[in-house]
Amino acid sequence: MKKLSLDAPATEQIEINGEIFDVNMSDIDIINKCADLSREYADLKKDDIESIKSAVNEIIGFIDKILGDGAVVKISNGKPVNTVTAYNWLMSIYKAVYEEQDKYIEYKYE
């Protein structure tokens, strides 16, 4: 029988406002979900309250899924987070994850 020993990936971490969070999703899952959210809410209208509520709840939920339950509350110091802020935070997290992976690929293959 052939035996393999594969390295388990280390948990990536990100520091936000002095707080260190584990990144609980793979970079590709984060990238795919961000692309899905962008497509889903591309035509969001300011008078479509239900869609806005859905968007902000999904974005906040996704940030908590990436960084762990309660991450949004920690980042905001318990203050309310509006739609634009939540979206900007998600895009900043997405960009940080993407850039980190990009640096790894550049180092590994160039």
N, C-alpha and C. Protein backbone atom coordinates (compact mmCIF):
# COMPACT_ATOMS: atom_id res chain seq x y z
N MET A 1 0.85 -1.18 0.00
CA MET A 1 0.00 0.00 0.00
C MET A 1 0.90 1.24 0.00
N LYS A 2 0.55 2.18 -0.83
CA LYS A 2 1.26 3.46 -0.91
C LYS A 2 0.79 4.36 0.22
N LYS A 3 1.74 4.97 0.92
CA LYS A 3 1.40 5.89 2.00
C LYS A 3 1.87 7.28 1.64
N LEU A 4 1.04 8.24 1.94
CA LEU A 4 1.38 9.65 1.69
C LEU A 4 1.33 10.41 3.00
N SER A 5 2.15 11.39 3.07
CA SER A 5 2.09 12.34 4.18
C SER A 5 1.99 13.72 3.56
N LEU A 6 0.83 14.34 3.69
CA LEU A 6 0.60 15.64 3.09
C LEU A 6 0.57 16.71 4.18
N ASP A 7 1.17 17.84 3.87
CA ASP A 7 1.16 18.94 4.82
C ASP A 7 -0.22 19.56 4.88
N ALA A 8 -0.69 19.77 6.09
CA ALA A 8 -1.95 20.49 6.27
C ALA A 8 -1.65 21.98 6.18
N PRO A 9 -2.52 22.72 5.51
CA PRO A 9 -2.25 24.16 5.38
C PRO A 9 -2.34 24.87 6.72
N ALA A 10 -1.49 25.84 6.89
CA ALA A 10 -1.55 26.67 8.11
C ALA A 10 -2.74 27.61 8.00
N THR A 11 -3.30 27.95 9.13
CA THR A 11 -4.40 28.90 9.14
C THR A 11 -3.84 30.29 8.88
N GLU A 12 -4.32 30.90 7.83
CA GLU A 12 -3.91 32.26 7.53
C GLU A 12 -4.52 33.21 8.55
N GLN A 13 -3.84 34.30 8.78
CA GLN A 13 -4.35 35.30 9.71
C GLN A 13 -4.27 36.68 9.06
N ILE A 14 -5.11 37.57 9.58
CA ILE A 14 -5.12 38.94 9.12
C ILE A 14 -5.32 39.84 10.34
N GLU A 15 -4.59 40.93 10.37
CA GLU A 15 -4.75 41.88 11.47
C GLU A 15 -5.58 43.06 10.99
N ILE A 16 -6.63 43.35 11.72
CA ILE A 16 -7.52 44.46 11.39
C ILE A 16 -7.69 45.31 12.64
N ASN A 17 -7.32 46.55 12.55
CA ASN A 17 -7.46 47.49 13.68
C ASN A 17 -6.83 46.93 14.96
N GLY A 18 -5.68 46.27 14.80
CA GLY A 18 -4.97 45.74 15.95
C GLY A 18 -5.46 44.38 16.44
N GLU A 19 -6.53 43.90 15.89
CA GLU A 19 -7.12 42.61 16.27
C GLU A 19 -6.70 41.56 15.24
N ILE A 20 -6.23 40.40 15.71
CA ILE A 20 -5.81 39.34 14.79
C ILE A 20 -6.95 38.35 14.63
N PHE A 21 -7.28 38.08 13.37
CA PHE A 21 -8.37 37.14 13.04
C PHE A 21 -7.79 36.00 12.22
N ASP A 22 -8.29 34.79 12.47
CA ASP A 22 -8.01 33.67 11.59
C ASP A 22 -8.87 33.82 10.35
N VAL A 23 -8.30 33.51 9.20
CA VAL A 23 -9.06 33.51 7.95
C VAL A 23 -9.60 32.09 7.79
N ASN A 24 -10.91 31.95 7.96
CA ASN A 24 -11.54 30.63 8.04
C ASN A 24 -12.01 30.09 6.70
N MET A 25 -11.63 30.74 5.62
CA MET A 25 -12.03 30.28 4.29
C MET A 25 -10.81 30.34 3.38
N SER A 26 -10.85 29.56 2.33
CA SER A 26 -9.76 29.61 1.36
C SER A 26 -9.87 30.87 0.51
N ASP A 27 -8.75 31.27 -0.05
CA ASP A 27 -8.76 32.46 -0.90
C ASP A 27 -9.71 32.30 -2.07
N ILE A 28 -9.77 31.13 -2.67
CA ILE A 28 -10.64 30.94 -3.83
C ILE A 28 -12.11 31.01 -3.43
N ASP A 29 -12.46 30.52 -2.23
CA ASP A 29 -13.84 30.63 -1.77
C ASP A 29 -14.23 32.08 -1.53
N ILE A 30 -13.29 32.85 -0.98
CA ILE A 30 -13.54 34.28 -0.74
C ILE A 30 -13.70 35.01 -2.07
N ILE A 31 -12.81 34.75 -2.99
CA ILE A 31 -12.86 35.41 -4.30
C ILE A 31 -14.16 35.06 -5.03
N ASN A 32 -14.52 33.78 -5.03
CA ASN A 32 -15.75 33.36 -5.71
C ASN A 32 -16.99 34.00 -5.09
N LYS A 33 -17.06 34.01 -3.76
CA LYS A 33 -18.24 34.58 -3.10
C LYS A 33 -18.32 36.08 -3.34
N CYS A 34 -17.18 36.78 -3.30
CA CYS A 34 -17.19 38.22 -3.58
C CYS A 34 -17.68 38.49 -5.00
N ALA A 35 -17.24 37.68 -5.95
CA ALA A 35 -17.71 37.83 -7.33
C ALA A 35 -19.21 37.58 -7.41
N ASP A 36 -19.68 36.55 -6.71
CA ASP A 36 -21.12 36.26 -6.70
C ASP A 36 -21.91 37.42 -6.10
N LEU A 37 -21.44 37.97 -4.98
CA LEU A 37 -22.13 39.09 -4.35
C LEU A 37 -22.15 40.31 -5.26
N SER A 38 -21.04 40.57 -5.93
CA SER A 38 -20.98 41.71 -6.84
C SER A 38 -22.00 41.57 -7.97
N ARG A 39 -22.10 40.37 -8.52
CA ARG A 39 -23.09 40.13 -9.58
C ARG A 39 -24.51 40.23 -9.03
N GLU A 40 -24.73 39.62 -7.88
CA GLU A 40 -26.07 39.58 -7.31
C GLU A 40 -26.62 40.97 -6.99
N TYR A 41 -25.75 41.85 -6.52
CA TYR A 41 -26.21 43.16 -6.08
C TYR A 41 -25.75 44.30 -7.00
N ALA A 42 -25.37 43.98 -8.22
CA ALA A 42 -24.88 44.99 -9.16
C ALA A 42 -25.95 46.03 -9.50
N ASP A 43 -27.18 45.63 -9.55
CA ASP A 43 -28.28 46.53 -9.92
C ASP A 43 -29.10 46.98 -8.73
N LEU A 44 -28.49 47.01 -7.57
CA LEU A 44 -29.18 47.41 -6.35
C LEU A 44 -29.70 48.84 -6.47
N LYS A 45 -30.94 49.02 -6.16
CA LYS A 45 -31.58 50.35 -6.24
C LYS A 45 -31.80 50.88 -4.83
N LYS A 46 -31.58 52.18 -4.65
CA LYS A 46 -31.68 52.77 -3.32
C LYS A 46 -33.09 52.70 -2.73
N ASP A 47 -34.10 52.55 -3.56
CA ASP A 47 -35.47 52.47 -3.04
C ASP A 47 -35.95 51.01 -2.84
N ASP A 48 -35.09 50.05 -3.13
CA ASP A 48 -35.42 48.64 -2.93
C ASP A 48 -34.90 48.20 -1.56
N ILE A 49 -35.65 48.56 -0.52
CA ILE A 49 -35.23 48.36 0.86
C ILE A 49 -34.96 46.89 1.17
N GLU A 50 -35.80 46.01 0.67
CA GLU A 50 -35.61 44.58 0.96
C GLU A 50 -34.29 44.06 0.38
N SER A 51 -33.95 44.49 -0.82
CA SER A 51 -32.68 44.06 -1.42
C SER A 51 -31.49 44.65 -0.67
N ILE A 52 -31.63 45.90 -0.23
CA ILE A 52 -30.56 46.53 0.55
C ILE A 52 -30.36 45.79 1.86
N LYS A 53 -31.46 45.47 2.55
CA LYS A 53 -31.36 44.71 3.80
C LYS A 53 -30.71 43.35 3.55
N SER A 54 -31.11 42.71 2.49
CA SER A 54 -30.54 41.41 2.15
C SER A 54 -29.04 41.53 1.87
N ALA A 55 -28.66 42.56 1.12
CA ALA A 55 -27.26 42.75 0.77
C ALA A 55 -26.41 42.98 2.00
N VAL A 56 -26.82 43.91 2.86
CA VAL A 56 -26.00 44.22 4.03
C VAL A 56 -25.94 43.04 4.98
N ASN A 57 -27.02 42.33 5.16
CA ASN A 57 -27.00 41.15 6.03
C ASN A 57 -26.10 40.06 5.47
N GLU A 58 -26.15 39.89 4.16
CA GLU A 58 -25.30 38.87 3.54
C GLU A 58 -23.83 39.25 3.63
N ILE A 59 -23.52 40.51 3.41
CA ILE A 59 -22.13 40.98 3.49
C ILE A 59 -21.59 40.83 4.91
N ILE A 60 -22.36 41.29 5.89
CA ILE A 60 -21.92 41.18 7.29
C ILE A 60 -21.77 39.71 7.68
N GLY A 61 -22.72 38.89 7.27
CA GLY A 61 -22.63 37.46 7.55
C GLY A 61 -21.41 36.82 6.90
N PHE A 62 -21.09 37.26 5.70
CA PHE A 62 -19.94 36.71 5.00
C PHE A 62 -18.63 37.13 5.67
N ILE A 63 -18.53 38.38 6.12
CA ILE A 63 -17.34 38.81 6.85
C ILE A 63 -17.17 37.97 8.11
N ASP A 64 -18.26 37.74 8.83
CA ASP A 64 -18.19 36.89 10.02
C ASP A 64 -17.82 35.46 9.67
N LYS A 65 -18.24 34.99 8.52
CA LYS A 65 -17.87 33.63 8.09
C LYS A 65 -16.37 33.56 7.78
N ILE A 66 -15.84 34.60 7.16
CA ILE A 66 -14.41 34.63 6.83
C ILE A 66 -13.57 34.71 8.10
N LEU A 67 -13.93 35.63 9.00
CA LEU A 67 -13.08 35.97 10.14
C LEU A 67 -13.54 35.39 11.48
N GLY A 68 -14.69 34.78 11.50
CA GLY A 68 -15.21 34.19 12.73
C GLY A 68 -16.39 34.98 13.27
N ASP A 69 -17.28 34.27 13.95
CA ASP A 69 -18.48 34.90 14.50
C ASP A 69 -18.10 36.09 15.38
N GLY A 70 -18.80 37.19 15.18
CA GLY A 70 -18.57 38.39 15.97
C GLY A 70 -17.48 39.29 15.45
N ALA A 71 -16.88 38.95 14.32
CA ALA A 71 -15.78 39.76 13.78
C ALA A 71 -16.23 41.18 13.47
N VAL A 72 -17.40 41.32 12.87
CA VAL A 72 -17.89 42.66 12.51
C VAL A 72 -18.08 43.51 13.76
N VAL A 73 -18.61 42.90 14.81
CA VAL A 73 -18.81 43.63 16.07
C VAL A 73 -17.46 44.05 16.65
N LYS A 74 -16.47 43.17 16.59
CA LYS A 74 -15.13 43.51 17.09
C LYS A 74 -14.52 44.65 16.28
N ILE A 75 -14.61 44.55 14.97
CA ILE A 75 -14.01 45.56 14.10
C ILE A 75 -14.68 46.92 14.32
N SER A 76 -15.99 46.91 14.50
CA SER A 76 -16.73 48.18 14.65
C SER A 76 -16.79 48.68 16.08
N ASN A 77 -16.14 47.94 16.99
CA ASN A 77 -16.22 48.28 18.42
C ASN A 77 -17.66 48.34 18.91
N GLY A 78 -18.49 47.46 18.36
CA GLY A 78 -19.88 47.36 18.79
C GLY A 78 -20.81 48.41 18.20
N LYS A 79 -20.27 49.26 17.33
CA LYS A 79 -21.10 50.30 16.73
C LYS A 79 -21.81 49.76 15.48
N PRO A 80 -22.94 50.37 15.13
CA PRO A 80 -23.66 49.93 13.93
C PRO A 80 -22.81 50.13 12.67
N VAL A 81 -22.98 49.24 11.74
CA VAL A 81 -22.23 49.28 10.48
C VAL A 81 -23.22 49.48 9.34
N ASN A 82 -22.97 50.52 8.52
CA ASN A 82 -23.88 50.75 7.39
C ASN A 82 -23.45 49.94 6.17
N THR A 83 -24.28 49.97 5.17
CA THR A 83 -24.06 49.16 3.97
C THR A 83 -22.75 49.48 3.27
N VAL A 84 -22.46 50.75 3.08
CA VAL A 84 -21.24 51.15 2.38
C VAL A 84 -20.01 50.71 3.16
N THR A 85 -20.04 50.90 4.47
CA THR A 85 -18.90 50.49 5.30
C THR A 85 -18.70 48.98 5.23
N ALA A 86 -19.77 48.21 5.37
CA ALA A 86 -19.66 46.75 5.31
C ALA A 86 -19.09 46.31 3.97
N TYR A 87 -19.58 46.90 2.90
CA TYR A 87 -19.07 46.55 1.56
C TYR A 87 -17.60 46.91 1.42
N ASN A 88 -17.22 48.10 1.89
CA ASN A 88 -15.81 48.52 1.81
C ASN A 88 -14.91 47.60 2.63
N TRP A 89 -15.40 47.18 3.80
CA TRP A 89 -14.62 46.24 4.60
C TRP A 89 -14.42 44.92 3.86
N LEU A 90 -15.49 44.42 3.27
CA LEU A 90 -15.39 43.15 2.54
C LEU A 90 -14.41 43.28 1.39
N MET A 91 -14.47 44.37 0.66
CA MET A 91 -13.54 44.55 -0.46
C MET A 91 -12.09 44.70 0.03
N SER A 92 -11.90 45.31 1.18
CA SER A 92 -10.55 45.42 1.75
C SER A 92 -10.02 44.05 2.16
N ILE A 93 -10.88 43.23 2.76
CA ILE A 93 -10.48 41.87 3.13
C ILE A 93 -10.17 41.06 1.87
N TYR A 94 -11.05 41.16 0.89
CA TYR A 94 -10.84 40.48 -0.40
C TYR A 94 -9.50 40.88 -1.01
N LYS A 95 -9.22 42.17 -1.03
CA LYS A 95 -7.98 42.67 -1.63
C LYS A 95 -6.76 42.14 -0.86
N ALA A 96 -6.82 42.14 0.46
CA ALA A 96 -5.70 41.65 1.26
C ALA A 96 -5.45 40.17 1.01
N VAL A 97 -6.51 39.38 0.95
CA VAL A 97 -6.38 37.95 0.69
C VAL A 97 -5.82 37.72 -0.71
N TYR A 98 -6.34 38.45 -1.68
CA TYR A 98 -5.90 38.30 -3.07
C TYR A 98 -4.43 38.69 -3.21
N GLU A 99 -4.04 39.81 -2.60
CA GLU A 99 -2.65 40.26 -2.70
C GLU A 99 -1.70 39.28 -2.04
N GLU A 100 -2.09 38.70 -0.92
CA GLU A 100 -1.25 37.73 -0.23
C GLU A 100 -1.03 36.51 -1.11
N GLN A 101 -2.08 36.03 -1.74
CA GLN A 101 -1.96 34.88 -2.63
C GLN A 101 -1.13 35.23 -3.86
N ASP A 102 -1.31 36.43 -4.37
CA ASP A 102 -0.55 36.90 -5.51
C ASP A 102 0.95 36.93 -5.19
N LYS A 103 1.30 37.40 -4.00
CA LYS A 103 2.71 37.43 -3.58
C LYS A 103 3.28 36.02 -3.49
N TYR A 104 2.49 35.10 -2.97
CA TYR A 104 2.94 33.72 -2.85
C TYR A 104 3.21 33.12 -4.24
N ILE A 105 2.27 33.33 -5.15
CA ILE A 105 2.44 32.79 -6.51
C ILE A 105 3.66 33.39 -7.19
N GLU A 106 3.85 34.68 -7.03
CA GLU A 106 5.00 35.36 -7.62
C GLU A 106 6.30 34.79 -7.06
N TYR A 107 6.35 34.60 -5.75
CA TYR A 107 7.54 34.06 -5.09
C TYR A 107 7.79 32.62 -5.53
N LYS A 108 6.75 31.84 -5.58
CA LYS A 108 6.87 30.41 -5.85
C LYS A 108 7.22 30.10 -7.31
N TYR A 109 6.67 30.89 -8.25
CA TYR A 109 6.79 30.50 -9.65
C TYR A 109 7.56 31.46 -10.53
N GLU A 110 8.11 32.50 -9.98
CA GLU A 110 8.87 33.41 -10.84
C GLU A 110 10.31 33.47 -10.43
